[in-house]
Each structure stands twice: as structure tokens, then as C-alpha cells.
Amino acid sequence: MNSRNSVSSTYWKRLINGGLLAVGLLGAAWGQSPAPTGPVPVLSLDTVLIRIDQNNPLLKPFGSRAAAARAYAEGARSWMAPMVGIGTFMAPYPAQMVMDDRDRGYGMVSVEQDIPNPVKQRATRVYQESKAAVEEAGRGVTLNRLRQDAKGLYFDWLVLEKRRGVLAENRRILQTMKKLADIRYPYQQGSLGNIYKAEGRLYELDNMVTMTEAEIARRRIGLNTLMNRPTGDPLQIDTTYRPAPPTTGLPTTEEIGSRRSDILRMDRQILSMQAGIEAQRAQARPDFRVRFDHMQPFAGVKSMMPTQFTLMGMISIPIVPWASRMYKAEIKGMQQDIAAMRYEREGMLIETQGMVAQMLTDLQNMRTQLENYERRVIPTLRKNYDTQLIAYEQNKADLPVVIDAWETLNMTQMDYLTRLQEYYRMIVQYERELEK
């Protein structure tokens, strides 16, 4: 009896000292933590996605490259600069004997201008403008990737908030069990080992809370980075949001082709290459050149020699074999590239449809498991825990039995949250496969 009282006295001293130490550490932490400067903004998923679209720096280059392509298209309408020359015409070499003033030659001014074919210019402009459309489609590919990354972070945060709620409930449960054990111990209705066991579970729970808070902080940093905000800015998500389950119908290849941004970019690339083919075909059309020469005699006015001019119009002949070989080869190469891209597009659509079918099966299976957890497994284990706790309160069960029932319930809840997180990630992957 004396030994038990001594152990009890030691326990109560440790409990009091531990409580005082905890209060002191809490006060020190409270004094060191910065006071909140204002309410933490709560951002819905749609708001996050809009801010990513507006502010993410990875999306900025596509607009600049599209604007550059349009600027190049404007340059396709330009002409070559005129050529101006000055020199002599039919002038004798120095130290030559000139028998007549007419043999002194002429001074000549020459102006030459290339006149491009407007059909060629139009085809080149269309080709350059088509490159802008390809860049805009490339922006859609990057935007969809960023959107899916944001959804993954947002959905993970939703599950972590649920986990934090479960941990808070577990803390309340363990504190209740420990209080009951503390009350019973002086009356010899419980053992000191049971109290330490409950206390140890509380410490383990503290570690889980710390890990959960760290995971939430990582998701917060990730979302802030995607929105181009400082990583330390406060942020809270809408915890009432629930991802909508995907439709069970298998989309057709046409529907997939109209939704996937990489397929849309490939379609734009095919159209751009077709415009390139038309630009190469326009190379078979001729270009023009005008040349004007003005000649002034060196002999002067007394010689009665007239001033002369030459006006010449020229046209190119690009259909000759040695000139047409280049653009014909370009046309043939582009046609083969377009055929290869169309085969690739068809293969991507078929592969995507197969993967989507598999994902829909996995999603339905996971949804069934989650519903089983929600309707049967967790409620049954909670009833078992409640029954053991009531029996313990009525001195019909021991604390280890109650802790075992709680641990079973806790592990099942954590397993459910792990599967829920996997289910949300499967939804993100499904949407990524349809829209990437």
C-alpha cells in the first residue's frame, strides 16, 4: 500500500510538473508567434484557377510569341527596298583618243525596284498568322497542366482538413479516456500503465498533427506559387467544396479530340503546315522587276547629243526545273509531315479512350469502397468503440480494450482518408487525361 501511494505521489508530481512545463512553453510560443494582421482569405477552386490563368508567368511567353508571329505576318506585305545606282555608260577608258564628242559616253543614273507577287505575300501572311494560332493552342496545353496541378493540391488540402478534424476528435477522445483513468487511479480502479498508454497515444497524436500541418503548409505554398503570390501569404480553401464525380459514359474519340488541348494544338499545327504548303505552292508564281536608267552625255549641250533613258520590265520564271526543285521538295516534305501527324493524332485518341475506360472502372470501384466505408465500416467500428467506452465507464471493461477499439476506429478512418485522397487524385488524373 505504501509502495502504491509512493508511485501515486510520484505520478501526481510528474503530472503537475508536466502541466506547468506545458503552460510555460505555450506561453513562450504565444509570446513569440506574430499576431495575425487580418482575416485569412478563403479562395474557392474557381478563384484559384482564374488567378493562375491571369498571373502565372509560365503562360506569358505564349502571348508574346503569338504577337511576334502576327508581327511577322504584317512584314509579309512589305516590298524590297529600291536600288539606286550611278555610273557611266559607254565611256572610253582614260588615255583613249576621242574622235567625236559622241564617243565621250554618258553619265547614268539607274533606279531598280522589285515588285513582289501579291499572291505570294498573301500566302506568306496566312502562314505566319497560323503560327500565332499554334502558340495560343500551346498556351492551352500549359494552362491545363497548371490547372490540374492546382486541383491536385486543392483536393489534397481538402483531405488534410478532414484528417485534421479526425485528429482533433481523437484528441478529445484520448483526453477523455485519460481523465477517466486519472480519476480512477487513486481509487485503485485502474493501473498506472493504462494512464501512460493513453498519454503515449496523445504524444503520437501530436506527431500526426504536426505532420498534417506541415502537409497543409506545403499545399499552401504550392497554390501560392501557381498563382504567382508570395509563398508565405496566408491562404485558406473552401472546405465545403466536393469534387464532382465524372460521368460514367465513355466519351467518343471526337469528344476527346474536342477537349484535349494537345490534340487541338496538333490540329492547329496541321492547319499551319497546310498554310505552309500553300505558301510554297505560291512560289511557282512569278515576281516582277522594273528598271529605269537615265543617261546624260558627257559632251555637253554643244554636241547636240540627246539625253537618253532605258525603261525595262522583268519577270521571273520560277517554273523552270532548276528553280522549282526546292519548293516542290518542301511541299512533298510537308505533306508527309501532315500525314504522320494525322496518324499520331488517331493513335493518341484511341490510346486516350482506352485509358479513360480503365480510369472510369477504377473510379467506380473506388467510389463503391468509399461508400462502404462511410455507410458500414466506420459506423460499425464507432458503435464498437462507444460500446467499449460505456462499458469502461461502468467498470465493465478495462482501458486497454477501449484504446484498442479506438485504435481500430482511428486506423480505419485514416485508411478511409487515404483512399479518399487517392480517389480525388484519380479524378484529377482522369481530367488531366481528357484535357491535357
Protein backbone atom coordinates (compact mmCIF):
# COMPACT_ATOMS: atom_id res chain seq x y z
CA MET A 1 0.00 0.00 0.00
CA ASN A 2 2.79 2.40 0.88
CA SER A 3 4.54 1.48 -2.35
CA ARG A 4 1.37 2.25 -4.32
CA ASN A 5 0.96 5.59 -2.54
CA SER A 6 4.59 6.41 -3.31
CA VAL A 7 4.07 5.60 -7.00
CA SER A 8 0.85 7.64 -6.93
CA SER A 9 2.64 10.58 -5.35
CA THR A 10 5.38 10.37 -7.95
CA TYR A 11 2.79 10.24 -10.73
CA TRP A 12 0.94 13.30 -9.47
CA LYS A 13 4.19 15.25 -9.12
CA ARG A 14 5.14 14.39 -12.70
CA LEU A 15 1.67 15.32 -13.88
CA ILE A 16 1.80 18.73 -12.16
CA ASN A 17 5.34 19.45 -13.32
CA GLY A 18 4.47 18.41 -16.85
CA GLY A 19 1.40 20.65 -16.80
CA LEU A 20 3.41 23.63 -15.57
CA LEU A 21 6.05 22.99 -18.23
CA ALA A 22 3.41 22.76 -20.93
CA VAL A 23 1.80 26.00 -19.77
CA GLY A 24 5.21 27.72 -19.79
CA LEU A 25 6.06 26.50 -23.27
CA LEU A 26 2.64 27.51 -24.52
CA GLY A 27 3.08 30.99 -23.07
CA ALA A 28 6.53 31.34 -24.63
CA ALA A 29 5.25 30.16 -28.00
CA TRP A 30 2.32 32.55 -27.73
CA GLY A 31 4.65 35.42 -26.99
CA GLN A 32 6.91 34.64 -29.94
CA SER A 33 4.24 33.99 -32.56
CA PRO A 34 3.30 37.02 -34.69
CA ALA A 35 -0.17 38.38 -34.24
CA PRO A 36 -2.45 37.93 -37.22
CA THR A 37 -2.74 41.06 -39.30
CA GLY A 38 -6.20 40.34 -40.68
CA PRO A 39 -8.62 37.64 -41.81
CA VAL A 40 -7.17 34.83 -43.89
CA PRO A 41 -8.65 34.90 -47.42
CA VAL A 42 -10.73 31.88 -48.37
CA LEU A 43 -10.33 31.07 -52.06
CA SER A 44 -12.63 28.77 -53.96
CA LEU A 45 -11.21 26.41 -56.57
CA ASP A 46 -12.62 28.53 -59.40
CA THR A 47 -10.92 31.63 -58.00
CA VAL A 48 -7.61 29.79 -57.78
CA LEU A 49 -7.90 28.62 -61.39
CA ILE A 50 -8.77 32.13 -62.62
CA ARG A 51 -5.78 33.65 -60.83
CA ILE A 52 -3.48 31.01 -62.30
CA ASP A 53 -4.80 31.88 -65.77
CA GLN A 54 -4.18 35.58 -65.16
CA ASN A 55 -0.94 35.62 -63.18
CA ASN A 56 1.16 32.51 -63.75
CA PRO A 57 4.39 33.57 -65.50
CA LEU A 58 4.67 30.31 -67.44
CA LEU A 59 1.70 31.43 -69.55
CA LYS A 60 3.13 34.82 -70.52
CA PRO A 61 5.60 33.69 -73.25
CA PHE A 62 2.82 32.19 -75.38
CA GLY A 63 1.08 35.54 -75.77
CA SER A 64 4.36 37.20 -76.68
CA ARG A 65 5.21 34.52 -79.25
CA ALA A 66 1.72 34.78 -80.76
CA ALA A 67 2.11 38.56 -81.01
CA ALA A 68 5.51 38.04 -82.63
CA ALA A 69 4.01 35.72 -85.25
CA ARG A 70 1.36 38.33 -86.06
CA ALA A 71 4.08 40.97 -86.34
CA TYR A 72 5.96 38.73 -88.79
CA ALA A 73 2.71 38.35 -90.74
CA GLU A 74 2.50 42.12 -91.10
CA GLY A 75 6.01 42.12 -92.51
CA ALA A 76 4.98 39.72 -95.26
CA ARG A 77 3.28 42.59 -97.11
CA SER A 78 6.45 44.64 -97.42
CA TRP A 79 8.46 45.26 -100.61
CA MET A 80 12.18 45.13 -101.09
CA ALA A 81 13.97 48.46 -100.91
CA PRO A 82 14.65 50.13 -104.26
CA MET A 83 18.16 50.04 -105.69
CA VAL A 84 19.71 53.30 -106.92
CA GLY A 85 22.97 53.40 -108.85
CA ILE A 86 25.17 55.96 -110.55
CA GLY A 87 27.95 55.40 -113.08
CA THR A 88 29.00 55.70 -116.70
CA PHE A 89 27.62 54.27 -119.88
CA MET A 90 29.73 53.58 -122.98
CA ALA A 91 32.53 55.85 -121.74
CA PRO A 92 36.07 55.32 -123.19
CA TYR A 93 38.93 54.26 -121.00
CA PRO A 94 41.32 57.03 -119.90
CA ALA A 95 44.12 57.99 -122.36
CA GLN A 96 41.99 56.93 -125.33
CA MET A 97 41.78 59.21 -128.36
CA VAL A 98 38.22 60.53 -128.80
CA MET A 99 37.48 61.33 -132.45
CA ASP A 100 33.99 62.65 -131.87
CA ASP A 101 32.16 64.16 -128.91
CA ARG A 102 29.60 61.41 -129.19
CA ASP A 103 32.29 58.94 -128.16
CA ARG A 104 32.74 60.56 -124.75
CA GLY A 105 29.92 58.42 -123.33
CA TYR A 106 27.23 59.11 -120.86
CA GLY A 107 26.75 59.55 -117.17
CA MET A 108 23.97 57.25 -115.97
CA VAL A 109 21.59 57.17 -113.00
CA SER A 110 19.77 53.85 -112.51
CA VAL A 111 16.73 53.03 -110.33
CA GLU A 112 15.55 49.47 -109.87
CA GLN A 113 12.53 48.14 -107.89
CA ASP A 114 11.44 44.57 -107.22
CA ILE A 115 7.64 44.12 -107.22
CA PRO A 116 6.60 41.02 -105.26
CA ASN A 117 3.69 38.87 -106.33
CA PRO A 118 0.66 39.70 -104.14
CA VAL A 119 -0.45 36.07 -104.11
CA LYS A 120 2.88 35.09 -102.60
CA GLN A 121 2.59 37.82 -99.97
CA ARG A 122 -0.92 36.77 -99.04
CA ALA A 123 0.06 33.12 -98.67
CA THR A 124 3.09 34.02 -96.53
CA ARG A 125 0.95 36.24 -94.29
CA VAL A 126 -1.61 33.48 -93.75
CA TYR A 127 1.19 31.04 -92.90
CA GLN A 128 2.70 33.40 -90.31
CA GLU A 129 -0.70 34.08 -88.75
CA SER A 130 -1.30 30.35 -88.43
CA LYS A 131 1.81 30.15 -86.24
CA ALA A 132 0.14 32.54 -83.79
CA ALA A 133 -2.79 30.12 -83.50
CA VAL A 134 -0.35 27.28 -82.73
CA GLU A 135 1.21 29.34 -79.92
CA GLU A 136 -2.21 30.10 -78.45
CA ALA A 137 -3.06 26.40 -78.51
CA GLY A 138 0.26 25.70 -76.77
CA ARG A 139 -0.80 28.09 -74.02
CA GLY A 140 -3.88 25.93 -73.53
CA VAL A 141 -1.69 22.86 -73.00
CA THR A 142 0.37 24.58 -70.30
CA LEU A 143 -2.71 26.11 -68.71
CA ASN A 144 -4.42 22.74 -68.42
CA ARG A 145 -1.32 21.25 -66.81
CA LEU A 146 -1.21 24.06 -64.26
CA ARG A 147 -4.95 23.72 -63.62
CA GLN A 148 -4.63 20.02 -62.91
CA ASP A 149 -1.67 20.65 -60.61
CA ALA A 150 -3.76 23.20 -58.71
CA LYS A 151 -6.69 20.80 -58.46
CA GLY A 152 -4.39 18.11 -57.08
CA LEU A 153 -3.08 20.46 -54.39
CA TYR A 154 -6.58 21.73 -53.59
CA PHE A 155 -8.07 18.23 -53.28
CA ASP A 156 -5.15 17.05 -51.14
CA TRP A 157 -5.77 20.02 -48.85
CA LEU A 158 -9.45 19.05 -48.58
CA VAL A 159 -8.47 15.58 -47.36
CA LEU A 160 -5.89 17.03 -44.97
CA GLU A 161 -8.57 19.26 -43.46
CA LYS A 162 -10.70 16.18 -42.90
CA ARG A 163 -7.71 14.45 -41.33
CA ARG A 164 -7.16 17.42 -39.07
CA GLY A 165 -10.78 17.17 -37.94
CA VAL A 166 -10.39 13.46 -37.22
CA LEU A 167 -7.22 14.14 -35.23
CA ALA A 168 -8.99 16.82 -33.20
CA GLU A 169 -11.76 14.35 -32.40
CA ASN A 170 -9.19 11.72 -31.48
CA ARG A 171 -7.50 14.18 -29.14
CA ARG A 172 -10.80 14.80 -27.41
CA ILE A 173 -11.41 11.05 -27.11
CA LEU A 174 -7.93 10.33 -25.70
CA GLN A 175 -8.16 13.22 -23.27
CA THR A 176 -11.49 11.87 -22.06
CA MET A 177 -10.03 8.40 -21.56
CA LYS A 178 -7.01 9.80 -19.77
CA LYS A 179 -9.19 11.90 -17.46
CA LEU A 180 -11.22 8.83 -16.57
CA ALA A 181 -8.02 6.89 -15.88
CA ASP A 182 -6.67 9.75 -13.75
CA ILE A 183 -9.88 9.78 -11.71
CA ARG A 184 -9.95 6.02 -11.21
CA TYR A 185 -6.33 5.50 -10.37
CA PRO A 186 -6.42 6.93 -6.79
CA TYR A 187 -9.34 4.59 -6.06
CA GLN A 188 -7.41 1.56 -7.27
CA GLN A 189 -9.76 1.11 -10.26
CA GLY A 190 -7.04 1.37 -12.87
CA SER A 191 -3.33 0.89 -13.35
CA LEU A 192 -0.60 3.44 -13.90
CA GLY A 193 0.38 1.63 -17.09
CA ASN A 194 -3.02 2.38 -18.64
CA ILE A 195 -2.55 6.08 -17.90
CA TYR A 196 0.88 6.09 -19.51
CA LYS A 197 -0.50 4.22 -22.51
CA ALA A 198 -3.16 6.87 -23.06
CA GLU A 199 -0.57 9.59 -22.55
CA GLY A 200 1.72 7.97 -25.10
CA ARG A 201 -1.10 7.83 -27.64
CA LEU A 202 -1.62 11.56 -27.10
CA TYR A 203 2.04 12.22 -27.88
CA GLU A 204 1.75 10.10 -31.03
CA LEU A 205 -1.29 12.13 -31.94
CA ASP A 206 0.75 15.33 -31.57
CA ASN A 207 3.22 13.99 -34.12
CA MET A 208 0.41 13.23 -36.56
CA VAL A 209 -1.00 16.74 -36.10
CA THR A 210 2.45 18.22 -36.78
CA MET A 211 2.82 16.15 -39.94
CA THR A 212 -0.65 17.15 -41.13
CA GLU A 213 0.05 20.85 -40.55
CA ALA A 214 3.30 20.53 -42.49
CA GLU A 215 1.50 18.87 -45.40
CA ILE A 216 -1.10 21.65 -45.42
CA ALA A 217 1.69 24.25 -45.42
CA ARG A 218 3.24 22.54 -48.46
CA ARG A 219 -0.07 22.66 -50.33
CA ARG A 220 -0.46 26.33 -49.41
CA ILE A 221 3.00 27.10 -50.79
CA GLY A 222 2.21 25.17 -53.97
CA LEU A 223 -1.03 27.05 -54.61
CA ASN A 224 0.59 30.42 -53.88
CA THR A 225 3.37 29.58 -56.32
CA LEU A 226 0.91 28.64 -59.06
CA MET A 227 -0.99 31.91 -58.52
CA ASN A 228 2.31 33.86 -58.53
CA ARG A 229 1.81 35.02 -54.94
CA PRO A 230 4.46 35.16 -52.22
CA THR A 231 4.84 31.67 -50.79
CA GLY A 232 4.30 32.90 -47.23
CA ASP A 233 0.99 34.66 -47.90
CA PRO A 234 -1.90 33.30 -45.81
CA LEU A 235 -4.48 31.27 -47.65
CA GLN A 236 -7.45 29.08 -46.80
CA ILE A 237 -9.52 26.86 -49.06
CA ASP A 238 -13.25 26.32 -49.19
CA THR A 239 -13.58 23.18 -47.08
CA THR A 240 -17.22 22.71 -48.15
CA TYR A 241 -16.19 22.03 -51.74
CA ARG A 242 -16.56 18.47 -53.02
CA PRO A 243 -15.23 17.36 -56.42
CA ALA A 244 -17.99 16.21 -58.73
CA PRO A 245 -17.65 12.57 -59.78
CA PRO A 246 -17.05 12.10 -63.52
CA THR A 247 -19.80 10.88 -65.79
CA THR A 248 -19.89 7.14 -66.28
CA GLY A 249 -20.36 7.32 -70.05
CA LEU A 250 -17.29 6.64 -72.17
CA PRO A 251 -16.51 9.67 -74.37
CA THR A 252 -16.06 9.13 -78.09
CA THR A 253 -12.84 9.92 -79.90
CA GLU A 254 -14.50 13.00 -81.40
CA GLU A 255 -15.39 14.29 -77.93
CA ILE A 256 -11.87 13.59 -76.69
CA GLY A 257 -10.40 15.38 -79.70
CA SER A 258 -12.53 18.46 -79.00
CA ARG A 259 -11.42 18.60 -75.33
CA ARG A 260 -7.75 17.68 -75.24
CA SER A 261 -5.59 20.74 -75.63
CA ASP A 262 -2.66 18.83 -77.10
CA ILE A 263 -4.94 17.43 -79.82
CA LEU A 264 -6.22 20.93 -80.51
CA ARG A 265 -2.65 22.15 -80.77
CA MET A 266 -1.88 19.34 -83.20
CA ASP A 267 -4.89 20.36 -85.29
CA ARG A 268 -3.57 23.93 -85.36
CA GLN A 269 -0.15 22.63 -86.39
CA ILE A 270 -1.70 20.67 -89.24
CA LEU A 271 -3.57 23.77 -90.41
CA SER A 272 -0.36 25.78 -90.15
CA MET A 273 1.53 23.24 -92.24
CA GLN A 274 -1.24 23.28 -94.82
CA ALA A 275 -0.88 27.05 -94.95
CA GLY A 276 2.86 26.49 -95.39
CA ILE A 277 2.14 24.20 -98.35
CA GLU A 278 0.04 26.91 -99.95
CA ALA A 279 2.85 29.40 -99.35
CA GLN A 280 5.29 27.04 -101.09
CA ARG A 281 2.91 26.50 -103.99
CA ALA A 282 2.72 30.27 -104.41
CA GLN A 283 6.46 30.22 -105.10
CA ALA A 284 5.57 28.95 -108.58
CA ARG A 285 4.11 32.36 -109.37
CA PRO A 286 6.42 34.93 -110.97
CA ASP A 287 7.88 38.05 -109.38
CA PHE A 288 8.38 41.33 -111.20
CA ARG A 289 11.07 43.95 -111.51
CA VAL A 290 11.13 47.45 -113.05
CA ARG A 291 14.32 49.25 -114.00
CA PHE A 292 14.79 52.84 -115.21
CA ASP A 293 18.12 54.24 -116.45
CA HIS A 294 18.72 57.91 -117.24
CA MET A 295 21.81 58.83 -119.34
CA GLN A 296 23.32 62.29 -119.66
CA PRO A 297 26.04 62.83 -122.33
CA PHE A 298 29.48 63.98 -121.22
CA ALA A 299 29.91 66.02 -124.39
CA GLY A 300 27.68 68.82 -123.20
CA VAL A 301 24.93 70.79 -124.88
CA LYS A 302 27.03 71.88 -127.90
CA SER A 303 27.33 68.35 -129.15
CA MET A 304 23.61 68.22 -129.81
CA MET A 305 23.56 64.73 -128.30
CA PRO A 306 20.17 63.87 -126.69
CA THR A 307 19.74 62.62 -123.18
CA GLN A 308 18.59 59.00 -123.19
CA PHE A 309 16.72 56.59 -120.92
CA THR A 310 16.07 52.91 -120.63
CA LEU A 311 12.84 51.51 -119.10
CA MET A 312 12.79 47.76 -118.59
CA GLY A 313 10.23 45.39 -117.03
CA MET A 314 11.35 41.91 -115.97
CA ILE A 315 9.54 38.80 -114.78
CA SER A 316 10.95 35.72 -113.07
CA ILE A 317 10.30 32.22 -114.35
CA PRO A 318 10.19 30.01 -111.20
CA ILE A 319 8.69 27.02 -113.02
CA VAL A 320 11.96 26.04 -114.69
CA PRO A 321 13.22 22.70 -113.30
CA TRP A 322 16.36 24.03 -111.64
CA ALA A 323 14.30 26.64 -109.74
CA SER A 324 11.15 24.62 -108.95
CA ARG A 325 13.02 21.70 -107.40
CA MET A 326 13.30 23.42 -103.99
CA TYR A 327 9.68 24.40 -103.37
CA LYS A 328 8.39 21.12 -104.75
CA ALA A 329 10.57 19.25 -102.27
CA GLU A 330 9.26 21.48 -99.45
CA ILE A 331 5.67 20.72 -100.44
CA LYS A 332 6.31 16.97 -100.54
CA GLY A 333 8.04 17.03 -97.15
CA MET A 334 5.23 19.00 -95.51
CA GLN A 335 2.62 16.63 -96.91
CA GLN A 336 4.45 13.68 -95.38
CA ASP A 337 4.70 15.51 -92.04
CA ILE A 338 0.95 16.18 -92.07
CA ALA A 339 0.24 12.51 -92.80
CA ALA A 340 2.48 11.48 -89.89
CA MET A 341 0.74 13.93 -87.53
CA ARG A 342 -2.67 12.61 -88.54
CA TYR A 343 -1.60 9.04 -87.79
CA GLU A 344 -0.20 10.21 -84.46
CA ARG A 345 -3.42 12.04 -83.67
CA GLU A 346 -5.50 8.95 -84.38
CA GLY A 347 -3.25 6.81 -82.18
CA MET A 348 -3.43 9.32 -79.32
CA LEU A 349 -7.23 9.37 -79.47
CA ILE A 350 -7.51 5.58 -79.39
CA GLU A 351 -4.98 5.29 -76.56
CA THR A 352 -6.72 8.01 -74.55
CA GLN A 353 -10.11 6.38 -74.97
CA GLY A 354 -8.72 3.09 -73.64
CA MET A 355 -7.09 4.77 -70.65
CA VAL A 356 -10.26 6.72 -69.89
CA ALA A 357 -12.27 3.49 -69.93
CA GLN A 358 -9.86 1.94 -67.41
CA MET A 359 -9.96 5.04 -65.21
CA LEU A 360 -13.76 5.08 -65.18
CA THR A 361 -13.72 1.46 -63.96
CA ASP A 362 -11.19 2.27 -61.23
CA LEU A 363 -13.15 5.36 -60.17
CA GLN A 364 -16.38 3.41 -59.88
CA ASN A 365 -14.62 0.71 -57.85
CA MET A 366 -13.06 3.29 -55.54
CA ARG A 367 -16.38 5.10 -55.13
CA THR A 368 -18.00 1.81 -54.06
CA GLN A 369 -15.26 1.22 -51.48
CA LEU A 370 -15.65 4.72 -50.06
CA GLU A 371 -19.41 4.34 -49.77
CA ASN A 372 -18.86 1.05 -47.94
CA TYR A 373 -16.52 2.82 -45.51
CA GLU A 374 -18.99 5.66 -44.99
CA ARG A 375 -22.15 3.57 -44.54
CA ARG A 376 -20.92 0.36 -42.92
CA VAL A 377 -17.32 0.04 -41.80
CA ILE A 378 -16.78 3.30 -39.90
CA PRO A 379 -20.27 3.44 -38.28
CA THR A 380 -19.88 -0.17 -37.09
CA LEU A 381 -16.44 0.44 -35.58
CA ARG A 382 -17.68 3.65 -33.98
CA LYS A 383 -20.52 1.72 -32.34
CA ASN A 384 -17.96 -0.81 -31.09
CA TYR A 385 -15.86 1.99 -29.60
CA ASP A 386 -18.90 3.64 -27.98
CA THR A 387 -19.92 0.29 -26.51
CA GLN A 388 -16.46 -0.31 -25.03
CA LEU A 389 -16.30 3.24 -23.66
CA ILE A 390 -19.69 2.86 -21.94
CA ALA A 391 -18.58 -0.48 -20.51
CA TYR A 392 -15.39 1.17 -19.23
CA GLU A 393 -17.37 3.98 -17.61
CA GLN A 394 -19.50 1.35 -15.89
CA ASN A 395 -16.41 -0.57 -14.69
CA LYS A 396 -17.23 -3.48 -17.02
CA ALA A 397 -14.14 -3.14 -19.25
CA ASP A 398 -10.50 -2.16 -18.97
CA LEU A 399 -8.87 0.87 -20.56
CA PRO A 400 -6.64 -1.17 -22.94
CA VAL A 401 -9.78 -2.64 -24.51
CA VAL A 402 -11.18 0.85 -25.06
CA ILE A 403 -7.87 2.05 -26.53
CA ASP A 404 -7.78 -0.96 -28.85
CA ALA A 405 -11.31 -0.15 -30.04
CA TRP A 406 -10.30 3.47 -30.56
CA GLU A 407 -7.12 2.50 -32.43
CA THR A 408 -9.12 0.25 -34.75
CA LEU A 409 -11.56 3.08 -35.43
CA ASN A 410 -8.73 5.58 -35.91
CA MET A 411 -6.78 3.35 -38.30
CA THR A 412 -9.93 2.72 -40.33
CA GLN A 413 -10.69 6.44 -40.53
CA MET A 414 -7.14 7.16 -41.67
CA ASP A 415 -7.38 4.37 -44.22
CA TYR A 416 -10.64 5.89 -45.46
CA LEU A 417 -8.99 9.31 -45.82
CA THR A 418 -6.07 7.75 -47.68
CA ARG A 419 -8.48 6.11 -50.12
CA LEU A 420 -10.44 9.36 -50.42
CA GLN A 421 -7.22 11.19 -51.31
CA GLU A 422 -6.44 8.50 -53.88
CA TYR A 423 -9.97 8.87 -55.28
CA TYR A 424 -9.55 12.64 -55.64
CA ARG A 425 -6.20 12.14 -57.35
CA MET A 426 -7.81 9.66 -59.73
CA ILE A 427 -10.39 12.34 -60.63
CA VAL A 428 -7.55 14.79 -61.31
CA GLN A 429 -5.74 12.21 -63.44
CA TYR A 430 -8.95 11.46 -65.32
CA GLU A 431 -9.49 15.14 -66.09
CA ARG A 432 -5.82 15.52 -66.99
CA GLU A 433 -6.12 12.67 -69.48
CA LEU A 434 -9.17 14.27 -71.07
CA GLU A 435 -7.90 17.85 -71.17
CA LYS A 436 -4.10 17.80 -71.28
